Amino acid sequence: MQADEWITVISVDSEPGGDVAGAFSWGDPDALALVYARFGALVYSIALRSLGARSDAEDVTQQVFVSAWRSRDSFDPARGTLGGWLVTITRNKVADALRERQRDSRVLLQAAGSTAVQAPEAPSDQVIDRIVLTDELAQLPEPQRLVMVLAFYSDLTHEQIAQVLGMPLGTVKSHIRRSLQRLRTRLEATGVAY
């Protein structure tokens, strides 16, 4: 396929109504390239903001697309968008990377001569508030939760979220407004400072 043909295919198939998701789930290798071209920067951005190190973000990005390709038959367009599915995989891979960092740091502490790894200090109120907020976000319905994660953890604009998820801009804004109202009500009930 010539470069000009790729540009045409990407511009047509990367639109929300394109059938890239279907071709990807059927195992078309060209679709994998299109999916990476469309969502690679988003996945990398989420990983970099979460992990802080470029090398770790690159590793997670690669893991996300390898995992997505291997489990492509589990993608169901009726349950959500391809972008949303990839963001979920990214979040799981980032969590795995953070857990691995914790394990590595404990091992290094033990190897450095610490006779016992000290238990972490009691969590501050701010940490507890973050845990409660994360739990409340998890209680939101899938489309609203995904919009909120992209808006606040990935720092995407409303327009970018609409493009990634293939949603109308007004729907994205409505999801954010309703989610913030719900979170405020729930957090007021639990006494979390916000």
N, C-alpha and C. Protein backbone atom coordinates (compact mmCIF):
# COMPACT_ATOMS: atom_id res chain seq x y z
N MET A 1 0.85 -1.18 0.00
CA MET A 1 0.00 0.00 0.00
C MET A 1 0.90 1.23 0.00
N GLN A 2 0.64 2.17 -0.87
CA GLN A 2 1.41 3.40 -0.99
C GLN A 2 1.06 4.36 0.14
N ALA A 3 1.95 5.31 0.41
CA ALA A 3 1.73 6.28 1.49
C ALA A 3 0.44 7.07 1.27
N ASP A 4 0.17 7.45 0.01
CA ASP A 4 -1.06 8.20 -0.26
C ASP A 4 -2.30 7.38 0.05
N GLU A 5 -2.21 6.08 -0.22
CA GLU A 5 -3.36 5.20 0.08
C GLU A 5 -3.58 5.11 1.58
N TRP A 6 -2.48 5.05 2.37
CA TRP A 6 -2.61 4.99 3.83
C TRP A 6 -3.31 6.24 4.35
N ILE A 7 -2.93 7.39 3.82
CA ILE A 7 -3.56 8.63 4.27
C ILE A 7 -5.06 8.59 3.98
N THR A 8 -5.43 8.11 2.80
CA THR A 8 -6.84 8.01 2.44
C THR A 8 -7.55 7.04 3.36
N VAL A 9 -6.95 5.86 3.58
CA VAL A 9 -7.58 4.86 4.44
C VAL A 9 -7.73 5.38 5.86
N ILE A 10 -6.67 6.02 6.37
CA ILE A 10 -6.74 6.53 7.74
C ILE A 10 -7.81 7.61 7.85
N SER A 11 -7.86 8.51 6.88
CA SER A 11 -8.84 9.59 7.00
C SER A 11 -10.27 9.08 6.88
N VAL A 12 -10.49 8.03 6.12
CA VAL A 12 -11.85 7.49 5.98
C VAL A 12 -12.17 6.58 7.16
N ASP A 13 -11.28 5.65 7.43
CA ASP A 13 -11.58 4.63 8.43
C ASP A 13 -11.40 5.10 9.86
N SER A 14 -10.67 6.17 10.09
CA SER A 14 -10.48 6.61 11.46
C SER A 14 -11.64 7.45 11.96
N GLU A 15 -12.58 7.73 11.11
CA GLU A 15 -13.77 8.44 11.54
C GLU A 15 -14.59 7.51 12.43
N PRO A 16 -15.37 8.07 13.37
CA PRO A 16 -16.14 7.23 14.28
C PRO A 16 -17.00 6.19 13.57
N GLY A 17 -17.49 6.47 12.37
CA GLY A 17 -18.36 5.52 11.69
C GLY A 17 -17.60 4.48 10.88
N GLY A 18 -16.26 4.62 10.78
CA GLY A 18 -15.46 3.69 10.00
C GLY A 18 -15.48 2.30 10.59
N ASP A 19 -15.07 1.32 9.80
CA ASP A 19 -15.12 -0.07 10.27
C ASP A 19 -13.75 -0.58 10.68
N VAL A 20 -12.89 0.30 11.17
CA VAL A 20 -11.58 -0.12 11.64
C VAL A 20 -11.73 -1.08 12.81
N ALA A 21 -12.66 -0.79 13.71
CA ALA A 21 -12.86 -1.65 14.87
C ALA A 21 -13.25 -3.06 14.44
N GLY A 22 -14.13 -3.16 13.45
CA GLY A 22 -14.52 -4.48 12.96
C GLY A 22 -13.36 -5.21 12.31
N ALA A 23 -12.61 -4.51 11.47
CA ALA A 23 -11.45 -5.12 10.82
C ALA A 23 -10.41 -5.54 11.85
N PHE A 24 -10.25 -4.72 12.89
CA PHE A 24 -9.30 -5.05 13.96
C PHE A 24 -9.73 -6.32 14.67
N SER A 25 -10.99 -6.40 15.04
CA SER A 25 -11.46 -7.58 15.78
C SER A 25 -11.46 -8.84 14.92
N TRP A 26 -11.51 -8.68 13.58
CA TRP A 26 -11.43 -9.84 12.68
C TRP A 26 -9.99 -10.28 12.46
N GLY A 27 -9.02 -9.45 12.87
CA GLY A 27 -7.63 -9.83 12.76
C GLY A 27 -6.90 -9.29 11.54
N ASP A 28 -7.41 -8.25 10.93
CA ASP A 28 -6.75 -7.65 9.78
C ASP A 28 -5.51 -6.89 10.24
N PRO A 29 -4.30 -7.33 9.82
CA PRO A 29 -3.07 -6.66 10.26
C PRO A 29 -3.01 -5.17 9.88
N ASP A 30 -3.60 -4.80 8.74
CA ASP A 30 -3.63 -3.39 8.36
C ASP A 30 -4.45 -2.58 9.36
N ALA A 31 -5.48 -3.17 9.91
CA ALA A 31 -6.30 -2.48 10.90
C ALA A 31 -5.51 -2.20 12.16
N LEU A 32 -4.60 -3.12 12.53
CA LEU A 32 -3.76 -2.88 13.71
C LEU A 32 -2.92 -1.62 13.50
N ALA A 33 -2.37 -1.47 12.32
CA ALA A 33 -1.57 -0.27 12.02
C ALA A 33 -2.44 0.99 12.10
N LEU A 34 -3.66 0.91 11.60
CA LEU A 34 -4.57 2.05 11.67
C LEU A 34 -4.96 2.38 13.10
N VAL A 35 -5.22 1.34 13.89
CA VAL A 35 -5.60 1.54 15.29
C VAL A 35 -4.44 2.17 16.04
N TYR A 36 -3.22 1.70 15.77
CA TYR A 36 -2.06 2.29 16.43
C TYR A 36 -1.88 3.75 16.00
N ALA A 37 -2.07 4.02 14.71
CA ALA A 37 -1.93 5.39 14.23
C ALA A 37 -2.95 6.32 14.89
N ARG A 38 -4.13 5.79 15.14
CA ARG A 38 -5.19 6.61 15.72
C ARG A 38 -5.08 6.75 17.23
N PHE A 39 -4.73 5.67 17.93
CA PHE A 39 -4.78 5.67 19.39
C PHE A 39 -3.42 5.58 20.07
N GLY A 40 -2.35 5.40 19.32
CA GLY A 40 -1.02 5.25 19.92
C GLY A 40 -0.63 6.44 20.78
N ALA A 41 -0.87 7.63 20.29
CA ALA A 41 -0.50 8.84 21.05
C ALA A 41 -1.31 8.95 22.34
N LEU A 42 -2.58 8.59 22.28
CA LEU A 42 -3.42 8.64 23.48
C LEU A 42 -2.92 7.66 24.53
N VAL A 43 -2.66 6.42 24.11
CA VAL A 43 -2.18 5.40 25.04
C VAL A 43 -0.85 5.84 25.65
N TYR A 44 0.06 6.32 24.80
CA TYR A 44 1.37 6.77 25.29
C TYR A 44 1.21 7.93 26.28
N SER A 45 0.33 8.87 25.96
CA SER A 45 0.12 10.03 26.82
C SER A 45 -0.40 9.62 28.20
N ILE A 46 -1.36 8.72 28.22
CA ILE A 46 -1.89 8.24 29.50
C ILE A 46 -0.79 7.55 30.30
N ALA A 47 -0.01 6.70 29.64
CA ALA A 47 1.06 5.97 30.32
C ALA A 47 2.13 6.93 30.83
N LEU A 48 2.51 7.92 30.02
CA LEU A 48 3.55 8.86 30.43
C LEU A 48 3.09 9.70 31.62
N ARG A 49 1.86 10.18 31.59
CA ARG A 49 1.35 10.98 32.70
C ARG A 49 1.23 10.15 33.98
N SER A 50 0.94 8.89 33.83
CA SER A 50 0.77 8.03 35.01
C SER A 50 2.10 7.56 35.58
N LEU A 51 3.06 7.28 34.70
CA LEU A 51 4.32 6.68 35.14
C LEU A 51 5.47 7.68 35.23
N GLY A 52 5.41 8.74 34.44
CA GLY A 52 6.42 9.77 34.51
C GLY A 52 7.71 9.51 33.73
N ALA A 53 7.98 8.29 33.37
CA ALA A 53 9.22 7.95 32.66
C ALA A 53 8.89 7.54 31.22
N ARG A 54 9.61 8.13 30.28
CA ARG A 54 9.36 7.83 28.86
C ARG A 54 9.55 6.36 28.55
N SER A 55 10.60 5.76 29.08
CA SER A 55 10.86 4.35 28.77
C SER A 55 9.74 3.45 29.29
N ASP A 56 9.24 3.76 30.48
CA ASP A 56 8.12 2.98 31.03
C ASP A 56 6.86 3.19 30.20
N ALA A 57 6.63 4.43 29.77
CA ALA A 57 5.45 4.72 28.95
C ALA A 57 5.53 4.01 27.61
N GLU A 58 6.72 3.96 27.02
CA GLU A 58 6.90 3.24 25.76
C GLU A 58 6.64 1.75 25.94
N ASP A 59 7.16 1.19 27.05
CA ASP A 59 6.93 -0.23 27.32
C ASP A 59 5.45 -0.53 27.49
N VAL A 60 4.75 0.32 28.25
CA VAL A 60 3.32 0.11 28.49
C VAL A 60 2.55 0.25 27.18
N THR A 61 2.92 1.22 26.36
CA THR A 61 2.24 1.40 25.07
C THR A 61 2.37 0.14 24.22
N GLN A 62 3.56 -0.40 24.17
CA GLN A 62 3.76 -1.63 23.41
C GLN A 62 2.94 -2.77 24.01
N GLN A 63 2.95 -2.90 25.33
CA GLN A 63 2.18 -3.96 25.98
C GLN A 63 0.69 -3.83 25.69
N VAL A 64 0.19 -2.60 25.67
CA VAL A 64 -1.24 -2.38 25.42
C VAL A 64 -1.63 -2.89 24.04
N PHE A 65 -0.85 -2.53 23.02
CA PHE A 65 -1.23 -2.94 21.67
C PHE A 65 -0.99 -4.43 21.42
N VAL A 66 0.02 -5.00 22.06
CA VAL A 66 0.22 -6.45 21.96
C VAL A 66 -0.94 -7.17 22.63
N SER A 67 -1.30 -6.71 23.82
CA SER A 67 -2.42 -7.33 24.54
C SER A 67 -3.73 -7.16 23.78
N ALA A 68 -3.95 -5.97 23.22
CA ALA A 68 -5.18 -5.73 22.47
C ALA A 68 -5.25 -6.64 21.25
N TRP A 69 -4.13 -6.80 20.57
CA TRP A 69 -4.12 -7.65 19.37
C TRP A 69 -4.37 -9.10 19.75
N ARG A 70 -3.75 -9.55 20.83
CA ARG A 70 -3.91 -10.95 21.24
C ARG A 70 -5.33 -11.24 21.73
N SER A 71 -5.96 -10.24 22.33
CA SER A 71 -7.31 -10.46 22.87
C SER A 71 -8.37 -9.74 22.05
N ARG A 72 -8.09 -9.49 20.78
CA ARG A 72 -9.00 -8.73 19.92
C ARG A 72 -10.37 -9.39 19.79
N ASP A 73 -10.43 -10.71 19.94
CA ASP A 73 -11.73 -11.37 19.83
C ASP A 73 -12.64 -11.06 21.03
N SER A 74 -12.07 -10.51 22.11
CA SER A 74 -12.90 -10.16 23.26
C SER A 74 -13.48 -8.74 23.14
N PHE A 75 -13.01 -7.97 22.14
CA PHE A 75 -13.57 -6.63 21.93
C PHE A 75 -14.98 -6.75 21.36
N ASP A 76 -15.92 -6.08 22.02
CA ASP A 76 -17.31 -6.11 21.59
C ASP A 76 -17.78 -4.67 21.34
N PRO A 77 -17.94 -4.29 20.07
CA PRO A 77 -18.35 -2.92 19.77
C PRO A 77 -19.69 -2.54 20.39
N ALA A 78 -20.51 -3.52 20.72
CA ALA A 78 -21.80 -3.24 21.34
C ALA A 78 -21.63 -2.76 22.78
N ARG A 79 -20.49 -3.08 23.40
CA ARG A 79 -20.26 -2.70 24.80
C ARG A 79 -19.51 -1.39 24.94
N GLY A 80 -18.89 -0.91 23.87
CA GLY A 80 -18.14 0.34 23.95
C GLY A 80 -17.29 0.54 22.71
N THR A 81 -16.60 1.65 22.70
CA THR A 81 -15.77 1.98 21.55
C THR A 81 -14.41 1.31 21.66
N LEU A 82 -13.73 1.23 20.54
CA LEU A 82 -12.38 0.67 20.53
C LEU A 82 -11.45 1.54 21.36
N GLY A 83 -11.60 2.86 21.27
CA GLY A 83 -10.77 3.76 22.07
C GLY A 83 -10.97 3.54 23.56
N GLY A 84 -12.21 3.38 23.96
CA GLY A 84 -12.50 3.11 25.37
C GLY A 84 -11.91 1.80 25.85
N TRP A 85 -11.98 0.79 24.99
CA TRP A 85 -11.42 -0.53 25.31
C TRP A 85 -9.91 -0.42 25.49
N LEU A 86 -9.26 0.32 24.59
CA LEU A 86 -7.81 0.50 24.69
C LEU A 86 -7.42 1.30 25.92
N VAL A 87 -8.21 2.29 26.30
CA VAL A 87 -7.93 3.06 27.51
C VAL A 87 -8.04 2.16 28.74
N THR A 88 -9.01 1.26 28.76
CA THR A 88 -9.15 0.33 29.87
C THR A 88 -7.93 -0.59 29.96
N ILE A 89 -7.48 -1.10 28.83
CA ILE A 89 -6.27 -1.94 28.82
C ILE A 89 -5.08 -1.12 29.30
N THR A 90 -4.99 0.12 28.86
CA THR A 90 -3.88 0.99 29.28
C THR A 90 -3.89 1.18 30.78
N ARG A 91 -5.06 1.46 31.32
CA ARG A 91 -5.16 1.65 32.78
C ARG A 91 -4.68 0.40 33.53
N ASN A 92 -5.05 -0.78 33.04
CA ASN A 92 -4.63 -2.02 33.69
C ASN A 92 -3.12 -2.22 33.57
N LYS A 93 -2.55 -1.92 32.41
CA LYS A 93 -1.10 -2.08 32.22
C LYS A 93 -0.32 -1.07 33.07
N VAL A 94 -0.84 0.14 33.21
CA VAL A 94 -0.20 1.13 34.07
C VAL A 94 -0.23 0.65 35.52
N ALA A 95 -1.36 0.13 35.95
CA ALA A 95 -1.45 -0.40 37.31
C ALA A 95 -0.45 -1.53 37.52
N ASP A 96 -0.31 -2.41 36.53
CA ASP A 96 0.68 -3.49 36.63
C ASP A 96 2.09 -2.92 36.76
N ALA A 97 2.40 -1.89 35.97
CA ALA A 97 3.73 -1.29 36.01
C ALA A 97 4.00 -0.64 37.37
N LEU A 98 2.99 0.01 37.93
CA LEU A 98 3.16 0.63 39.25
C LEU A 98 3.36 -0.43 40.33
N ARG A 99 2.63 -1.52 40.25
CA ARG A 99 2.83 -2.61 41.21
C ARG A 99 4.24 -3.20 41.09
N GLU A 100 4.70 -3.34 39.86
CA GLU A 100 6.05 -3.87 39.65
C GLU A 100 7.10 -2.93 40.23
N ARG A 101 6.89 -1.63 40.09
CA ARG A 101 7.80 -0.65 40.70
C ARG A 101 7.86 -0.82 42.20
N GLN A 102 6.70 -1.02 42.82
CA GLN A 102 6.66 -1.20 44.28
C GLN A 102 7.43 -2.44 44.68
N ARG A 103 7.21 -3.53 43.96
CA ARG A 103 7.94 -4.77 44.26
C ARG A 103 9.44 -4.57 44.11
N ASP A 104 9.82 -3.91 43.03
CA ASP A 104 11.25 -3.68 42.78
C ASP A 104 11.87 -2.82 43.88
N SER A 105 11.16 -1.80 44.33
CA SER A 105 11.71 -0.93 45.37
C SER A 105 11.84 -1.68 46.70
N ARG A 106 10.90 -2.57 46.99
CA ARG A 106 11.01 -3.37 48.22
C ARG A 106 12.21 -4.31 48.14
N VAL A 107 12.39 -4.91 46.99
CA VAL A 107 13.52 -5.82 46.81
C VAL A 107 14.83 -5.05 46.95
N LEU A 108 14.91 -3.86 46.36
CA LEU A 108 16.12 -3.05 46.46
C LEU A 108 16.40 -2.65 47.90
N LEU A 109 15.36 -2.30 48.63
CA LEU A 109 15.55 -1.95 50.04
C LEU A 109 16.09 -3.13 50.83
N GLN A 110 15.55 -4.30 50.58
CA GLN A 110 16.02 -5.49 51.29
C GLN A 110 17.44 -5.82 50.89
N ALA A 111 17.74 -5.70 49.61
CA ALA A 111 19.09 -6.01 49.13
C ALA A 111 20.11 -4.99 49.63
N ALA A 112 19.67 -3.76 49.88
CA ALA A 112 20.57 -2.72 50.33
C ALA A 112 20.94 -2.87 51.80
N GLY A 113 20.43 -3.86 52.45
CA GLY A 113 20.83 -4.11 53.83
C GLY A 113 19.76 -3.85 54.85
N SER A 114 18.61 -3.43 54.44
CA SER A 114 17.54 -3.25 55.41
C SER A 114 17.15 -4.62 55.93
N THR A 115 17.12 -4.76 57.24
CA THR A 115 16.77 -6.05 57.80
C THR A 115 15.28 -6.32 57.67
N ALA A 116 14.53 -5.26 57.69
CA ALA A 116 13.08 -5.43 57.52
C ALA A 116 12.56 -4.21 56.78
N VAL A 117 11.67 -4.47 55.90
CA VAL A 117 11.04 -3.37 55.18
C VAL A 117 9.98 -2.80 56.10
N GLN A 118 10.09 -1.50 56.33
CA GLN A 118 9.14 -0.86 57.23
C GLN A 118 7.78 -0.73 56.57
N ALA A 119 6.77 -0.87 57.37
CA ALA A 119 5.41 -0.70 56.86
C ALA A 119 5.22 0.76 56.50
N PRO A 120 4.47 1.03 55.46
CA PRO A 120 4.24 2.43 55.10
C PRO A 120 3.51 3.16 56.21
N GLU A 121 3.74 4.46 56.25
CA GLU A 121 3.07 5.28 57.25
C GLU A 121 1.56 5.22 57.04
N ALA A 122 0.84 5.53 58.09
CA ALA A 122 -0.62 5.56 57.97
C ALA A 122 -1.00 6.59 56.91
N PRO A 123 -1.96 6.25 56.06
CA PRO A 123 -2.31 7.18 54.98
C PRO A 123 -2.86 8.49 55.52
N SER A 124 -2.49 9.56 54.88
CA SER A 124 -3.00 10.87 55.27
C SER A 124 -4.44 11.00 54.79
N ASP A 125 -5.10 12.03 55.26
CA ASP A 125 -6.48 12.27 54.84
C ASP A 125 -6.57 12.47 53.34
N GLN A 126 -5.56 13.11 52.78
CA GLN A 126 -5.58 13.36 51.34
C GLN A 126 -5.53 12.05 50.56
N VAL A 127 -4.73 11.10 51.00
CA VAL A 127 -4.65 9.81 50.33
C VAL A 127 -5.98 9.08 50.46
N ILE A 128 -6.56 9.12 51.62
CA ILE A 128 -7.85 8.48 51.84
C ILE A 128 -8.91 9.11 50.94
N ASP A 129 -8.89 10.44 50.83
CA ASP A 129 -9.84 11.13 49.95
C ASP A 129 -9.67 10.68 48.50
N ARG A 130 -8.43 10.50 48.06
CA ARG A 130 -8.18 10.04 46.70
C ARG A 130 -8.71 8.63 46.49
N ILE A 131 -8.54 7.79 47.49
CA ILE A 131 -9.04 6.42 47.38
C ILE A 131 -10.57 6.43 47.29
N VAL A 132 -11.21 7.23 48.11
CA VAL A 132 -12.67 7.33 48.08
C VAL A 132 -13.12 7.87 46.72
N LEU A 133 -12.43 8.89 46.21
CA LEU A 133 -12.78 9.46 44.92
C LEU A 133 -12.62 8.42 43.81
N THR A 134 -11.54 7.67 43.84
CA THR A 134 -11.32 6.63 42.83
C THR A 134 -12.42 5.58 42.90
N ASP A 135 -12.82 5.22 44.11
CA ASP A 135 -13.89 4.25 44.27
C ASP A 135 -15.21 4.80 43.73
N GLU A 136 -15.48 6.06 43.99
CA GLU A 136 -16.71 6.68 43.48
C GLU A 136 -16.69 6.76 41.96
N LEU A 137 -15.54 7.06 41.37
CA LEU A 137 -15.43 7.06 39.92
C LEU A 137 -15.73 5.68 39.35
N ALA A 138 -15.27 4.65 40.04
CA ALA A 138 -15.50 3.28 39.58
C ALA A 138 -16.98 2.92 39.60
N GLN A 139 -17.77 3.63 40.42
CA GLN A 139 -19.20 3.35 40.52
C GLN A 139 -20.01 3.97 39.39
N LEU A 140 -19.39 4.90 38.66
CA LEU A 140 -20.10 5.55 37.54
C LEU A 140 -20.35 4.54 36.43
N PRO A 141 -21.41 4.72 35.65
CA PRO A 141 -21.63 3.87 34.48
C PRO A 141 -20.45 4.01 33.51
N GLU A 142 -20.19 2.97 32.73
CA GLU A 142 -19.02 2.90 31.85
C GLU A 142 -18.77 4.14 31.01
N PRO A 143 -19.74 4.63 30.25
CA PRO A 143 -19.39 5.78 29.41
C PRO A 143 -19.02 7.02 30.23
N GLN A 144 -19.72 7.25 31.32
CA GLN A 144 -19.43 8.42 32.16
C GLN A 144 -18.07 8.28 32.84
N ARG A 145 -17.77 7.08 33.33
CA ARG A 145 -16.49 6.85 34.00
C ARG A 145 -15.34 7.07 33.03
N LEU A 146 -15.49 6.54 31.84
CA LEU A 146 -14.44 6.66 30.84
C LEU A 146 -14.21 8.12 30.45
N VAL A 147 -15.29 8.88 30.29
CA VAL A 147 -15.17 10.30 29.97
C VAL A 147 -14.45 11.03 31.10
N MET A 148 -14.80 10.74 32.33
CA MET A 148 -14.17 11.41 33.47
C MET A 148 -12.69 11.06 33.58
N VAL A 149 -12.34 9.81 33.36
CA VAL A 149 -10.94 9.41 33.42
C VAL A 149 -10.14 10.13 32.35
N LEU A 150 -10.67 10.20 31.15
CA LEU A 150 -9.96 10.88 30.07
C LEU A 150 -9.85 12.38 30.35
N ALA A 151 -10.88 12.96 30.95
CA ALA A 151 -10.87 14.40 31.22
C ALA A 151 -9.92 14.77 32.35
N PHE A 152 -9.92 14.00 33.42
CA PHE A 152 -9.19 14.43 34.60
C PHE A 152 -7.85 13.73 34.81
N TYR A 153 -7.74 12.48 34.43
CA TYR A 153 -6.46 11.79 34.59
C TYR A 153 -5.58 11.94 33.35
N SER A 154 -6.19 12.00 32.18
CA SER A 154 -5.42 12.14 30.94
C SER A 154 -5.38 13.59 30.46
N ASP A 155 -6.16 14.46 31.10
CA ASP A 155 -6.16 15.88 30.80
C ASP A 155 -6.49 16.17 29.34
N LEU A 156 -7.46 15.44 28.79
CA LEU A 156 -7.90 15.68 27.42
C LEU A 156 -9.01 16.72 27.42
N THR A 157 -9.10 17.48 26.33
CA THR A 157 -10.18 18.45 26.18
C THR A 157 -11.47 17.70 25.84
N HIS A 158 -12.58 18.40 25.94
CA HIS A 158 -13.86 17.79 25.59
C HIS A 158 -13.86 17.33 24.14
N GLU A 159 -13.29 18.14 23.26
CA GLU A 159 -13.23 17.79 21.84
C GLU A 159 -12.39 16.54 21.61
N GLN A 160 -11.26 16.43 22.31
CA GLN A 160 -10.41 15.25 22.16
C GLN A 160 -11.12 13.99 22.66
N ILE A 161 -11.83 14.12 23.76
CA ILE A 161 -12.58 12.98 24.30
C ILE A 161 -13.65 12.54 23.31
N ALA A 162 -14.36 13.50 22.75
CA ALA A 162 -15.40 13.17 21.77
C ALA A 162 -14.79 12.44 20.59
N GLN A 163 -13.64 12.87 20.14
CA GLN A 163 -12.98 12.23 19.00
C GLN A 163 -12.51 10.82 19.36
N VAL A 164 -11.88 10.67 20.52
CA VAL A 164 -11.36 9.36 20.92
C VAL A 164 -12.48 8.35 21.10
N LEU A 165 -13.55 8.77 21.73
CA LEU A 165 -14.64 7.85 22.04
C LEU A 165 -15.70 7.77 20.95
N GLY A 166 -15.60 8.64 19.95
CA GLY A 166 -16.59 8.63 18.88
C GLY A 166 -17.96 9.07 19.36
N MET A 167 -17.99 10.00 20.30
CA MET A 167 -19.24 10.52 20.85
C MET A 167 -19.45 11.95 20.37
N PRO A 168 -20.69 12.38 20.32
CA PRO A 168 -20.94 13.80 20.04
C PRO A 168 -20.40 14.66 21.20
N LEU A 169 -19.94 15.85 20.88
CA LEU A 169 -19.37 16.75 21.89
C LEU A 169 -20.37 17.05 23.00
N GLY A 170 -21.62 17.26 22.65
CA GLY A 170 -22.64 17.53 23.66
C GLY A 170 -22.83 16.39 24.63
N THR A 171 -22.70 15.16 24.14
CA THR A 171 -22.83 13.99 25.02
C THR A 171 -21.67 13.95 26.01
N VAL A 172 -20.47 14.25 25.53
CA VAL A 172 -19.30 14.27 26.42
C VAL A 172 -19.51 15.31 27.53
N LYS A 173 -19.95 16.50 27.15
CA LYS A 173 -20.16 17.56 28.13
C LYS A 173 -21.26 17.16 29.13
N SER A 174 -22.32 16.53 28.64
CA SER A 174 -23.40 16.08 29.53
C SER A 174 -22.91 15.02 30.50
N HIS A 175 -22.11 14.07 30.00
CA HIS A 175 -21.56 13.04 30.88
C HIS A 175 -20.71 13.67 31.98
N ILE A 176 -19.89 14.64 31.63
CA ILE A 176 -19.03 15.28 32.63
C ILE A 176 -19.88 16.03 33.65
N ARG A 177 -20.86 16.79 33.20
CA ARG A 177 -21.71 17.55 34.11
C ARG A 177 -22.46 16.62 35.07
N ARG A 178 -23.10 15.59 34.51
CA ARG A 178 -23.86 14.66 35.37
C ARG A 178 -22.93 13.91 36.32
N SER A 179 -21.76 13.53 35.85
CA SER A 179 -20.82 12.80 36.70
C SER A 179 -20.32 13.66 37.85
N LEU A 180 -20.01 14.93 37.54
CA LEU A 180 -19.56 15.83 38.60
C LEU A 180 -20.66 16.06 39.64
N GLN A 181 -21.90 16.18 39.18
CA GLN A 181 -23.01 16.34 40.13
C GLN A 181 -23.15 15.10 41.00
N ARG A 182 -23.06 13.94 40.39
CA ARG A 182 -23.18 12.69 41.16
C ARG A 182 -22.04 12.54 42.15
N LEU A 183 -20.82 12.82 41.68
CA LEU A 183 -19.67 12.71 42.58
C LEU A 183 -19.77 13.70 43.74
N ARG A 184 -20.22 14.91 43.46
CA ARG A 184 -20.35 15.90 44.52
C ARG A 184 -21.34 15.42 45.58
N THR A 185 -22.47 14.92 45.14
CA THR A 185 -23.48 14.42 46.07
C THR A 185 -22.93 13.27 46.91
N ARG A 186 -22.27 12.33 46.25
CA ARG A 186 -21.73 11.16 46.95
C ARG A 186 -20.60 11.54 47.91
N LEU A 187 -19.73 12.47 47.48
CA LEU A 187 -18.62 12.86 48.34
C LEU A 187 -19.07 13.71 49.52
N GLU A 188 -20.11 14.52 49.33
CA GLU A 188 -20.68 15.25 50.45
C GLU A 188 -21.24 14.29 51.49
N ALA A 189 -21.85 13.22 51.01
CA ALA A 189 -22.43 12.24 51.92
C ALA A 189 -21.37 11.50 52.73
N THR A 190 -20.19 11.30 52.12
CA THR A 190 -19.12 10.58 52.83
C THR A 190 -18.20 11.52 53.58
N GLY A 191 -18.37 12.83 53.41
CA GLY A 191 -17.56 13.80 54.14
C GLY A 191 -16.17 13.99 53.59
N VAL A 192 -15.96 13.67 52.34
CA VAL A 192 -14.65 13.86 51.72
C VAL A 192 -14.48 15.32 51.36
N ALA A 193 -13.29 15.85 51.66
CA ALA A 193 -12.99 17.24 51.29
C ALA A 193 -12.69 17.29 49.81
N TYR A 194 -13.27 18.26 49.12
CA TYR A 194 -12.99 18.40 47.69
C TYR A 194 -12.76 19.82 47.33
